[in-house]
């Protein structure tokens, strides 16, 4: 299934800051962000399902899963069942949280 998903400038800036910090703190030459869904039904420690950002440090492991949008590389690392949550959505960073909003069409 082809997912119509994008990352807004606000989320991209925050993710880039996280990537830079991780590279600097751990001496990693490359870090690829992964957009993931944390499901509250599967994680008793959280009350609300939400988007979280994880990271890969080996491009070879995920080469076929990388999406590049305006020069920004990332992986949408969600299950097939969760793809529907991201289809037609744009990731934003608002009030210290990553949130999905419906994509604007031109």
PDB file of N, CA and C in Angstrom:
ATOM      1  N   UNK A   1       0.848  -1.183   0.000  1.00  0.00           N
ATOM      2  CA  UNK A   1       0.000   0.000   0.000  1.00  0.00           C
ATOM      3  C   UNK A   1       0.892   1.244   0.000  1.00  0.00           C
ATOM      4  N   UNK A   2       0.640   2.138  -0.924  1.00  0.00           N
ATOM      5  CA  UNK A   2       1.372   3.401  -0.986  1.00  0.00           C
ATOM      6  C   UNK A   2       0.728   4.373  -0.009  1.00  0.00           C
ATOM      7  N   UNK A   3       1.534   4.887   0.922  1.00  0.00           N
ATOM      8  CA  UNK A   3       1.035   5.777   1.966  1.00  0.00           C
ATOM      9  C   UNK A   3       1.278   7.223   1.564  1.00  0.00           C
ATOM     10  N   UNK A   4       0.232   8.043   1.600  1.00  0.00           N
ATOM     11  CA  UNK A   4       0.357   9.486   1.355  1.00  0.00           C
ATOM     12  C   UNK A   4       0.629  10.150   2.699  1.00  0.00           C
ATOM     13  N   UNK A   5       1.906  10.240   3.047  1.00  0.00           N
ATOM     14  CA  UNK A   5       2.322  10.750   4.348  1.00  0.00           C
ATOM     15  C   UNK A   5       3.444  11.749   4.139  1.00  0.00           C
ATOM     16  N   UNK A   6       3.430  12.820   4.907  1.00  0.00           N
ATOM     17  CA  UNK A   6       4.504  13.809   4.809  1.00  0.00           C
ATOM     18  C   UNK A   6       4.844  14.348   6.192  1.00  0.00           C
ATOM     19  N   UNK A   7       5.944  15.068   6.244  1.00  0.00           N
ATOM     20  CA  UNK A   7       6.423  15.645   7.498  1.00  0.00           C
ATOM     21  C   UNK A   7       6.471  17.158   7.350  1.00  0.00           C
ATOM     22  N   UNK A   8       5.747  17.860   8.216  1.00  0.00           N
ATOM     23  CA  UNK A   8       5.707  19.324   8.195  1.00  0.00           C
ATOM     24  C   UNK A   8       7.030  19.891   8.696  1.00  0.00           C
ATOM     25  N   UNK A   9       7.265  21.151   8.377  1.00  0.00           N
ATOM     26  CA  UNK A   9       8.515  21.817   8.767  1.00  0.00           C
ATOM     27  C   UNK A   9       8.736  21.784  10.278  1.00  0.00           C
ATOM     28  N   UNK A  10       7.683  21.943  11.056  1.00  0.00           N
ATOM     29  CA  UNK A  10       7.829  21.945  12.522  1.00  0.00           C
ATOM     30  C   UNK A  10       8.360  20.609  13.029  1.00  0.00           C
ATOM     31  N   UNK A  11       7.828  19.516  12.496  1.00  0.00           N
ATOM     32  CA  UNK A  11       8.279  18.182  12.905  1.00  0.00           C
ATOM     33  C   UNK A  11       9.679  17.900  12.370  1.00  0.00           C
ATOM     34  N   UNK A  12       9.923  18.332  11.157  1.00  0.00           N
ATOM     35  CA  UNK A  12      11.250  18.108  10.567  1.00  0.00           C
ATOM     36  C   UNK A  12      12.333  18.805  11.392  1.00  0.00           C
ATOM     37  N   UNK A  13      12.095  20.047  11.794  1.00  0.00           N
ATOM     38  CA  UNK A  13      13.079  20.771  12.610  1.00  0.00           C
ATOM     39  C   UNK A  13      13.350  20.037  13.924  1.00  0.00           C
ATOM     40  N   UNK A  14      12.302  19.562  14.567  1.00  0.00           N
ATOM     41  CA  UNK A  14      12.467  18.859  15.842  1.00  0.00           C
ATOM     42  C   UNK A  14      13.220  17.541  15.646  1.00  0.00           C
ATOM     43  N   UNK A  15      12.861  16.804  14.616  1.00  0.00           N
ATOM     44  CA  UNK A  15      13.536  15.536  14.340  1.00  0.00           C
ATOM     45  C   UNK A  15      15.007  15.782  14.007  1.00  0.00           C
ATOM     46  N   UNK A  16      15.288  16.804  13.209  1.00  0.00           N
ATOM     47  CA  UNK A  16      16.679  17.124  12.873  1.00  0.00           C
ATOM     48  C   UNK A  16      17.479  17.469  14.126  1.00  0.00           C
ATOM     49  N   UNK A  17      16.869  18.185  15.070  1.00  0.00           N
ATOM     50  CA  UNK A  17      17.551  18.513  16.331  1.00  0.00           C
ATOM     51  C   UNK A  17      17.842  17.244  17.130  1.00  0.00           C
ATOM     52  N   UNK A  18      16.892  16.320  17.162  1.00  0.00           N
ATOM     53  CA  UNK A  18      17.093  15.049  17.864  1.00  0.00           C
ATOM     54  C   UNK A  18      18.198  14.220  17.204  1.00  0.00           C
ATOM     55  N   UNK A  19      18.191  14.191  15.876  1.00  0.00           N
ATOM     56  CA  UNK A  19      19.220  13.460  15.136  1.00  0.00           C
ATOM     57  C   UNK A  19      20.599  14.047  15.430  1.00  0.00           C
ATOM     58  N   UNK A  20      20.712  15.375  15.360  1.00  0.00           N
ATOM     59  CA  UNK A  20      21.999  16.032  15.627  1.00  0.00           C
ATOM     60  C   UNK A  20      22.498  15.725  17.035  1.00  0.00           C
ATOM     61  N   UNK A  21      21.613  15.779  18.014  1.00  0.00           N
ATOM     62  CA  UNK A  21      21.998  15.497  19.401  1.00  0.00           C
ATOM     63  C   UNK A  21      22.450  14.046  19.559  1.00  0.00           C
ATOM     64  N   UNK A  22      21.730  13.125  18.949  1.00  0.00           N
ATOM     65  CA  UNK A  22      22.084  11.706  19.046  1.00  0.00           C
ATOM     66  C   UNK A  22      23.435  11.427  18.392  1.00  0.00           C
ATOM     67  N   UNK A  23      23.662  12.020  17.224  1.00  0.00           N
ATOM     68  CA  UNK A  23      24.948  11.847  16.544  1.00  0.00           C
ATOM     69  C   UNK A  23      26.089  12.396  17.396  1.00  0.00           C
ATOM     70  N   UNK A  24      25.883  13.569  17.946  1.00  0.00           N
ATOM     71  CA  UNK A  24      26.916  14.226  18.752  1.00  0.00           C
ATOM     72  C   UNK A  24      27.194  13.436  20.044  1.00  0.00           C
ATOM     73  N   UNK A  25      26.154  13.041  20.745  1.00  0.00           N
ATOM     74  CA  UNK A  25      26.307  12.352  22.032  1.00  0.00           C
ATOM     75  C   UNK A  25      26.903  10.954  21.898  1.00  0.00           C
ATOM     76  N   UNK A  26      26.610  10.299  20.783  1.00  0.00           N
ATOM     77  CA  UNK A  26      27.042   8.913  20.621  1.00  0.00           C
ATOM     78  C   UNK A  26      28.120   8.725  19.561  1.00  0.00           C
ATOM     79  N   UNK A  27      28.551   9.815  18.948  1.00  0.00           N
ATOM     80  CA  UNK A  27      29.591   9.726  17.932  1.00  0.00           C
ATOM     81  C   UNK A  27      29.191   8.923  16.714  1.00  0.00           C
ATOM     82  N   UNK A  28      27.924   8.980  16.358  1.00  0.00           N
ATOM     83  CA  UNK A  28      27.434   8.212  15.216  1.00  0.00           C
ATOM     84  C   UNK A  28      27.591   9.018  13.925  1.00  0.00           C
ATOM     85  N   UNK A  29      28.086   8.395  12.868  1.00  0.00           N
ATOM     86  CA  UNK A  29      28.238   9.119  11.607  1.00  0.00           C
ATOM     87  C   UNK A  29      26.909   9.365  10.893  1.00  0.00           C
ATOM     88  N   UNK A  30      25.956   8.484  11.114  1.00  0.00           N
ATOM     89  CA  UNK A  30      24.662   8.617  10.444  1.00  0.00           C
ATOM     90  C   UNK A  30      23.553   8.118  11.361  1.00  0.00           C
ATOM     91  N   UNK A  31      22.458   8.832  11.348  1.00  0.00           N
ATOM     92  CA  UNK A  31      21.271   8.440  12.100  1.00  0.00           C
ATOM     93  C   UNK A  31      20.069   8.697  11.201  1.00  0.00           C
ATOM     94  N   UNK A  32      19.242   7.687  11.012  1.00  0.00           N
ATOM     95  CA  UNK A  32      18.039   7.827  10.196  1.00  0.00           C
ATOM     96  C   UNK A  32      16.835   7.757  11.127  1.00  0.00           C
ATOM     97  N   UNK A  33      16.012   8.814  11.135  1.00  0.00           N
ATOM     98  CA  UNK A  33      14.848   8.806  12.015  1.00  0.00           C
ATOM     99  C   UNK A  33      13.767   7.841  11.523  1.00  0.00           C
ATOM    100  N   UNK A  34      13.048   7.295  12.484  1.00  0.00           N
ATOM    101  CA  UNK A  34      11.942   6.388  12.201  1.00  0.00           C
ATOM    102  C   UNK A  34      10.688   6.929  12.871  1.00  0.00           C
ATOM    103  N   UNK A  35       9.659   7.151  12.077  1.00  0.00           N
ATOM    104  CA  UNK A  35       8.366   7.580  12.603  1.00  0.00           C
ATOM    105  C   UNK A  35       7.604   6.312  12.960  1.00  0.00           C
ATOM    106  N   UNK A  36       7.169   6.224  14.222  1.00  0.00           N
ATOM    107  CA  UNK A  36       6.530   5.000  14.715  1.00  0.00           C
ATOM    108  C   UNK A  36       5.226   5.333  15.441  1.00  0.00           C
ATOM    109  N   UNK A  37       4.397   4.333  15.615  1.00  0.00           N
ATOM    110  CA  UNK A  37       3.141   4.462  16.348  1.00  0.00           C
ATOM    111  C   UNK A  37       3.264   3.672  17.641  1.00  0.00           C
ATOM    112  N   UNK A  38       3.070   4.346  18.762  1.00  0.00           N
ATOM    113  CA  UNK A  38       3.095   3.703  20.074  1.00  0.00           C
ATOM    114  C   UNK A  38       1.643   3.495  20.496  1.00  0.00           C
ATOM    115  N   UNK A  39       1.217   2.256  20.501  1.00  0.00           N
ATOM    116  CA  UNK A  39      -0.182   1.902  20.741  1.00  0.00           C
ATOM    117  C   UNK A  39      -0.433   1.676  22.231  1.00  0.00           C
ATOM    118  N   UNK A  40      -1.316   2.469  22.799  1.00  0.00           N
ATOM    119  CA  UNK A  40      -1.628   2.359  24.230  1.00  0.00           C
ATOM    120  C   UNK A  40      -2.232   0.997  24.578  1.00  0.00           C
ATOM    121  N   UNK A  41      -2.930   0.376  23.643  1.00  0.00           N
ATOM    122  CA  UNK A  41      -3.514  -0.942  23.902  1.00  0.00           C
ATOM    123  C   UNK A  41      -2.441  -2.014  24.097  1.00  0.00           C
ATOM    124  N   UNK A  42      -1.262  -1.776  23.545  1.00  0.00           N
ATOM    125  CA  UNK A  42      -0.176  -2.747  23.647  1.00  0.00           C
ATOM    126  C   UNK A  42       0.878  -2.351  24.671  1.00  0.00           C
ATOM    127  N   UNK A  43       0.747  -1.139  25.224  1.00  0.00           N
ATOM    128  CA  UNK A  43       1.738  -0.610  26.169  1.00  0.00           C
ATOM    129  C   UNK A  43       1.031  -0.082  27.410  1.00  0.00           C
ATOM    130  N   UNK A  44       0.940  -0.875  28.458  1.00  0.00           N
ATOM    131  CA  UNK A  44       0.190  -0.472  29.648  1.00  0.00           C
ATOM    132  C   UNK A  44       0.766   0.746  30.375  1.00  0.00           C
ATOM    133  N   UNK A  45       1.995   1.133  30.046  1.00  0.00           N
ATOM    134  CA  UNK A  45       2.612   2.278  30.718  1.00  0.00           C
ATOM    135  C   UNK A  45       2.185   3.625  30.141  1.00  0.00           C
ATOM    136  N   UNK A  46       1.454   3.617  29.039  1.00  0.00           N
ATOM    137  CA  UNK A  46       1.004   4.888  28.453  1.00  0.00           C
ATOM    138  C   UNK A  46      -0.519   4.923  28.382  1.00  0.00           C
ATOM    139  N   UNK A  47      -1.071   6.120  28.500  1.00  0.00           N
ATOM    140  CA  UNK A  47      -2.527   6.270  28.504  1.00  0.00           C
ATOM    141  C   UNK A  47      -3.092   6.500  27.107  1.00  0.00           C
ATOM    142  N   UNK A  48      -2.314   7.159  26.250  1.00  0.00           N
ATOM    143  CA  UNK A  48      -2.810   7.551  24.937  1.00  0.00           C
ATOM    144  C   UNK A  48      -1.854   7.097  23.843  1.00  0.00           C
ATOM    145  N   UNK A  49      -2.399   6.509  22.798  1.00  0.00           N
ATOM    146  CA  UNK A  49      -1.578   6.145  21.643  1.00  0.00           C
ATOM    147  C   UNK A  49      -1.040   7.416  21.010  1.00  0.00           C
ATOM    148  N   UNK A  50       0.176   7.321  20.445  1.00  0.00           N
ATOM    149  CA  UNK A  50       0.767   8.525  19.858  1.00  0.00           C
ATOM    150  C   UNK A  50       1.929   8.173  18.935  1.00  0.00           C
ATOM    151  N   UNK A  51       2.323   9.176  18.160  1.00  0.00           N
ATOM    152  CA  UNK A  51       3.496   9.067  17.302  1.00  0.00           C
ATOM    153  C   UNK A  51       4.739   9.278  18.155  1.00  0.00           C
ATOM    154  N   UNK A  52       5.743   8.461  17.925  1.00  0.00           N
ATOM    155  CA  UNK A  52       7.048   8.637  18.560  1.00  0.00           C
ATOM    156  C   UNK A  52       8.118   8.538  17.470  1.00  0.00           C
ATOM    157  N   UNK A  53       9.282   9.044  17.796  1.00  0.00           N
ATOM    158  CA  UNK A  53      10.393   9.000  16.860  1.00  0.00           C
ATOM    159  C   UNK A  53      11.473   8.086  17.428  1.00  0.00           C
ATOM    160  N   UNK A  54      11.889   7.145  16.610  1.00  0.00           N
ATOM    161  CA  UNK A  54      13.005   6.270  16.942  1.00  0.00           C
ATOM    162  C   UNK A  54      14.109   6.518  15.928  1.00  0.00           C
ATOM    163  N   UNK A  55      15.163   5.739  16.008  1.00  0.00           N
ATOM    164  CA  UNK A  55      16.302   5.986  15.135  1.00  0.00           C
ATOM    165  C   UNK A  55      16.979   4.691  14.729  1.00  0.00           C
ATOM    166  N   UNK A  56      17.492   4.685  13.505  1.00  0.00           N
ATOM    167  CA  UNK A  56      18.345   3.616  13.003  1.00  0.00           C
ATOM    168  C   UNK A  56      19.734   4.208  12.800  1.00  0.00           C
ATOM    169  N   UNK A  57      20.755   3.387  13.004  1.00  0.00           N
ATOM    170  CA  UNK A  57      22.111   3.877  12.759  1.00  0.00           C
ATOM    171  C   UNK A  57      22.850   3.039  11.715  1.00  0.00           C
ATOM    172  N   UNK A  58      22.103   2.179  11.018  1.00  0.00           N
ATOM    173  CA  UNK A  58      22.703   1.374   9.964  1.00  0.00           C
ATOM    174  C   UNK A  58      21.783   1.387   8.746  1.00  0.00           C
ATOM    175  N   UNK A  59      22.129   2.217   7.787  1.00  0.00           N
ATOM    176  CA  UNK A  59      21.321   2.380   6.574  1.00  0.00           C
ATOM    177  C   UNK A  59      21.096   1.049   5.860  1.00  0.00           C
ATOM    178  N   UNK A  60      22.080   0.179   5.868  1.00  0.00           N
ATOM    179  CA  UNK A  60      21.967  -1.097   5.157  1.00  0.00           C
ATOM    180  C   UNK A  60      20.803  -1.939   5.672  1.00  0.00           C
ATOM    181  N   UNK A  61      20.488  -1.819   6.951  1.00  0.00           N
ATOM    182  CA  UNK A  61      19.394  -2.601   7.538  1.00  0.00           C
ATOM    183  C   UNK A  61      18.019  -2.174   7.038  1.00  0.00           C
ATOM    184  N   UNK A  62      17.913  -0.936   6.567  1.00  0.00           N
ATOM    185  CA  UNK A  62      16.592  -0.386   6.236  1.00  0.00           C
ATOM    186  C   UNK A  62      16.542   0.253   4.856  1.00  0.00           C
ATOM    187  N   UNK A  63      17.527  -0.009   4.030  1.00  0.00           N
ATOM    188  CA  UNK A  63      17.682   0.685   2.755  1.00  0.00           C
ATOM    189  C   UNK A  63      16.396   0.684   1.919  1.00  0.00           C
ATOM    190  N   UNK A  64      15.652  -0.399   1.919  1.00  0.00           N
ATOM    191  CA  UNK A  64      14.433  -0.478   1.108  1.00  0.00           C
ATOM    192  C   UNK A  64      13.244   0.240   1.736  1.00  0.00           C
ATOM    193  N   UNK A  65      13.372   0.644   2.989  1.00  0.00           N
ATOM    194  CA  UNK A  65      12.266   1.287   3.699  1.00  0.00           C
ATOM    195  C   UNK A  65      12.414   2.803   3.808  1.00  0.00           C
ATOM    196  N   UNK A  66      13.538   3.334   3.362  1.00  0.00           N
ATOM    197  CA  UNK A  66      13.800   4.767   3.510  1.00  0.00           C
ATOM    198  C   UNK A  66      12.996   5.573   2.505  1.00  0.00           C
ATOM    199  N   UNK A  67      12.367   6.623   3.002  1.00  0.00           N
ATOM    200  CA  UNK A  67      11.673   7.607   2.177  1.00  0.00           C
ATOM    201  C   UNK A  67      12.492   8.885   2.232  1.00  0.00           C
ATOM    202  N   UNK A  68      12.638   9.551   1.089  1.00  0.00           N
ATOM    203  CA  UNK A  68      13.329  10.837   1.059  1.00  0.00           C
ATOM    204  C   UNK A  68      12.336  11.875   0.565  1.00  0.00           C
ATOM    205  N   UNK A  69      12.107  12.888   1.394  1.00  0.00           N
ATOM    206  CA  UNK A  69      11.159  13.958   1.082  1.00  0.00           C
ATOM    207  C   UNK A  69      11.900  15.285   1.187  1.00  0.00           C
ATOM    208  N   UNK A  70      12.071  15.962   0.073  1.00  0.00           N
ATOM    209  CA  UNK A  70      12.803  17.235   0.045  1.00  0.00           C
ATOM    210  C   UNK A  70      14.173  17.113   0.699  1.00  0.00           C
ATOM    211  N   UNK A  71      14.878  16.030   0.416  1.00  0.00           N
ATOM    212  CA  UNK A  71      16.216  15.823   0.949  1.00  0.00           C
ATOM    213  C   UNK A  71      16.271  15.281   2.369  1.00  0.00           C
ATOM    214  N   UNK A  72      15.136  15.060   2.978  1.00  0.00           N
ATOM    215  CA  UNK A  72      15.057  14.566   4.355  1.00  0.00           C
ATOM    216  C   UNK A  72      14.721  13.077   4.324  1.00  0.00           C
ATOM    217  N   UNK A  73      15.637  12.251   4.824  1.00  0.00           N
ATOM    218  CA  UNK A  73      15.447  10.797   4.817  1.00  0.00           C
ATOM    219  C   UNK A  73      14.855  10.336   6.141  1.00  0.00           C
ATOM    220  N   UNK A  74      13.857   9.459   6.048  1.00  0.00           N
ATOM    221  CA  UNK A  74      13.233   8.887   7.237  1.00  0.00           C
ATOM    222  C   UNK A  74      12.600   7.553   6.876  1.00  0.00           C
ATOM    223  N   UNK A  75      12.213   6.815   7.898  1.00  0.00           N
ATOM    224  CA  UNK A  75      11.508   5.553   7.712  1.00  0.00           C
ATOM    225  C   UNK A  75      10.164   5.660   8.418  1.00  0.00           C
ATOM    226  N   UNK A  76       9.109   5.269   7.735  1.00  0.00           N
ATOM    227  CA  UNK A  76       7.808   5.126   8.385  1.00  0.00           C
ATOM    228  C   UNK A  76       7.768   3.682   8.878  1.00  0.00           C
ATOM    229  N   UNK A  77       8.054   3.498  10.155  1.00  0.00           N
ATOM    230  CA  UNK A  77       8.230   2.165  10.738  1.00  0.00           C
ATOM    231  C   UNK A  77       6.982   1.770  11.519  1.00  0.00           C
ATOM    232  N   UNK A  78       5.938   1.424  10.779  1.00  0.00           N
ATOM    233  CA  UNK A  78       4.672   1.029  11.398  1.00  0.00           C
ATOM    234  C   UNK A  78       4.209  -0.290  10.792  1.00  0.00           C
ATOM    235  N   UNK A  79       3.334  -0.964  11.505  1.00  0.00           N
ATOM    236  CA  UNK A  79       2.777  -2.219  11.001  1.00  0.00           C
ATOM    237  C   UNK A  79       1.814  -1.933   9.858  1.00  0.00           C
ATOM    238  N   UNK A  80       1.523  -2.944   9.091  1.00  0.00           N
ATOM    239  CA  UNK A  80       0.542  -2.788   7.998  1.00  0.00           C
ATOM    240  C   UNK A  80      -0.808  -2.309   8.551  1.00  0.00           C
ATOM    241  N   UNK A  81      -1.185  -2.823   9.707  1.00  0.00           N
ATOM    242  CA  UNK A  81      -2.452  -2.403  10.315  1.00  0.00           C
ATOM    243  C   UNK A  81      -2.443  -0.923  10.679  1.00  0.00           C
ATOM    244  N   UNK A  82      -1.292  -0.402  11.081  1.00  0.00           N
ATOM    245  CA  UNK A  82      -1.201   1.003  11.490  1.00  0.00           C
ATOM    246  C   UNK A  82      -0.963   1.963  10.327  1.00  0.00           C
ATOM    247  N   UNK A  83      -0.670   1.449   9.139  1.00  0.00           N
ATOM    248  CA  UNK A  83      -0.456   2.327   7.984  1.00  0.00           C
ATOM    249  C   UNK A  83      -1.657   3.231   7.741  1.00  0.00           C
ATOM    250  N   UNK A  84      -2.849   2.724   7.986  1.00  0.00           N
ATOM    251  CA  UNK A  84      -4.070   3.511   7.757  1.00  0.00           C
ATOM    252  C   UNK A  84      -4.103   4.777   8.608  1.00  0.00           C
ATOM    253  N   UNK A  85      -3.459   4.745   9.769  1.00  0.00           N
ATOM    254  CA  UNK A  85      -3.428   5.914  10.654  1.00  0.00           C
ATOM    255  C   UNK A  85      -2.600   7.048  10.057  1.00  0.00           C
ATOM    256  N   UNK A  86      -1.667   6.713   9.176  1.00  0.00           N
ATOM    257  CA  UNK A  86      -0.740   7.680   8.599  1.00  0.00           C
ATOM    258  C   UNK A  86      -1.119   8.100   7.183  1.00  0.00           C
ATOM    259  N   UNK A  87      -1.941   7.301   6.516  1.00  0.00           N
ATOM    260  CA  UNK A  87      -2.307   7.605   5.133  1.00  0.00           C
ATOM    261  C   UNK A  87      -3.122   8.896   5.065  1.00  0.00           C
ATOM    262  N   UNK A  88      -2.670   9.830   4.238  1.00  0.00           N
ATOM    263  CA  UNK A  88      -3.351  11.114   4.098  1.00  0.00           C
ATOM    264  C   UNK A  88      -3.024  12.093   5.213  1.00  0.00           C
ATOM    265  N   UNK A  89      -1.994  11.783   5.996  1.00  0.00           N
ATOM    266  CA  UNK A  89      -1.647  12.604   7.157  1.00  0.00           C
ATOM    267  C   UNK A  89      -0.299  13.306   6.974  1.00  0.00           C
ATOM    268  N   UNK A  90      -0.122  14.358   7.761  1.00  0.00           N
ATOM    269  CA  UNK A  90       1.141  15.085   7.819  1.00  0.00           C
ATOM    270  C   UNK A  90       1.546  15.171   9.284  1.00  0.00           C
ATOM    271  N   UNK A  91       2.808  14.891   9.559  1.00  0.00           N
ATOM    272  CA  UNK A  91       3.314  14.924  10.922  1.00  0.00           C
ATOM    273  C   UNK A  91       3.728  16.344  11.286  1.00  0.00           C
ATOM    274  N   UNK A  92       3.231  16.829  12.418  1.00  0.00           N
ATOM    275  CA  UNK A  92       3.563  18.161  12.937  1.00  0.00           C
ATOM    276  C   UNK A  92       4.158  18.001  14.328  1.00  0.00           C
ATOM    277  N   UNK A  93       4.842  19.055  14.780  1.00  0.00           N
ATOM    278  CA  UNK A  93       5.344  19.099  16.157  1.00  0.00           C
ATOM    279  C   UNK A  93       4.708  20.313  16.808  1.00  0.00           C
ATOM    280  N   UNK A  94       3.792  20.066  17.749  1.00  0.00           N
ATOM    281  CA  UNK A  94       3.008  21.127  18.383  1.00  0.00           C
ATOM    282  C   UNK A  94       2.998  20.889  19.888  1.00  0.00           C
ATOM    283  N   UNK A  95       3.299  21.932  20.641  1.00  0.00           N
ATOM    284  CA  UNK A  95       3.260  21.847  22.113  1.00  0.00           C
ATOM    285  C   UNK A  95       4.044  20.645  22.646  1.00  0.00           C
ATOM    286  N   UNK A  96       5.264  20.493  22.151  1.00  0.00           N
ATOM    287  CA  UNK A  96       6.169  19.426  22.606  1.00  0.00           C
ATOM    288  C   UNK A  96       5.668  18.016  22.310  1.00  0.00           C
ATOM    289  N   UNK A  97       4.883  17.866  21.261  1.00  0.00           N
ATOM    290  CA  UNK A  97       4.395  16.537  20.889  1.00  0.00           C
ATOM    291  C   UNK A  97       4.301  16.421  19.371  1.00  0.00           C
ATOM    292  N   UNK A  98       4.543  15.219  18.878  1.00  0.00           N
ATOM    293  CA  UNK A  98       4.339  14.937  17.465  1.00  0.00           C
ATOM    294  C   UNK A  98       2.871  14.571  17.283  1.00  0.00           C
ATOM    295  N   UNK A  99       2.218  15.226  16.324  1.00  0.00           N
ATOM    296  CA  UNK A  99       0.798  14.977  16.074  1.00  0.00           C
ATOM    297  C   UNK A  99       0.550  14.828  14.575  1.00  0.00           C
ATOM    298  N   UNK A 100      -0.440  14.030  14.246  1.00  0.00           N
ATOM    299  CA  UNK A 100      -0.845  13.848  12.858  1.00  0.00           C
ATOM    300  C   UNK A 100      -2.014  14.765  12.547  1.00  0.00           C
ATOM    301  N   UNK A 101      -1.931  15.412  11.389  1.00  0.00           N
ATOM    302  CA  UNK A 101      -3.028  16.238  10.892  1.00  0.00           C
ATOM    303  C   UNK A 101      -3.259  15.862   9.439  1.00  0.00           C
ATOM    304  N   UNK A 102      -4.501  16.008   9.011  1.00  0.00           N
ATOM    305  CA  UNK A 102      -4.809  15.686   7.625  1.00  0.00           C
ATOM    306  C   UNK A 102      -3.999  16.572   6.696  1.00  0.00           C
ATOM    307  N   UNK A 103      -3.423  15.953   5.663  1.00  0.00           N
ATOM    308  CA  UNK A 103      -2.619  16.692   4.687  1.00  0.00           C
ATOM    309  C   UNK A 103      -3.485  17.665   3.920  1.00  0.00           C
ATOM    310  N   UNK A 104      -2.907  18.800   3.646  1.00  0.00           N
ATOM    311  CA  UNK A 104      -3.583  19.774   2.787  1.00  0.00           C
ATOM    312  C   UNK A 104      -3.329  19.384   1.341  1.00  0.00           C
ATOM    313  N   UNK A 105      -4.343  19.466   0.538  1.00  0.00           N
ATOM    314  CA  UNK A 105      -4.172  19.188  -0.888  1.00  0.00           C
ATOM    315  C   UNK A 105      -4.128  20.504  -1.634  1.00  0.00           C
ATOM    316  N   UNK A 106      -3.339  20.521  -2.695  1.00  0.00           N
ATOM    317  CA  UNK A 106      -3.165  21.759  -3.466  1.00  0.00           C
ATOM    318  C   UNK A 106      -4.184  21.848  -4.556  1.00  0.00           C
TER     319      UNK A 106
END
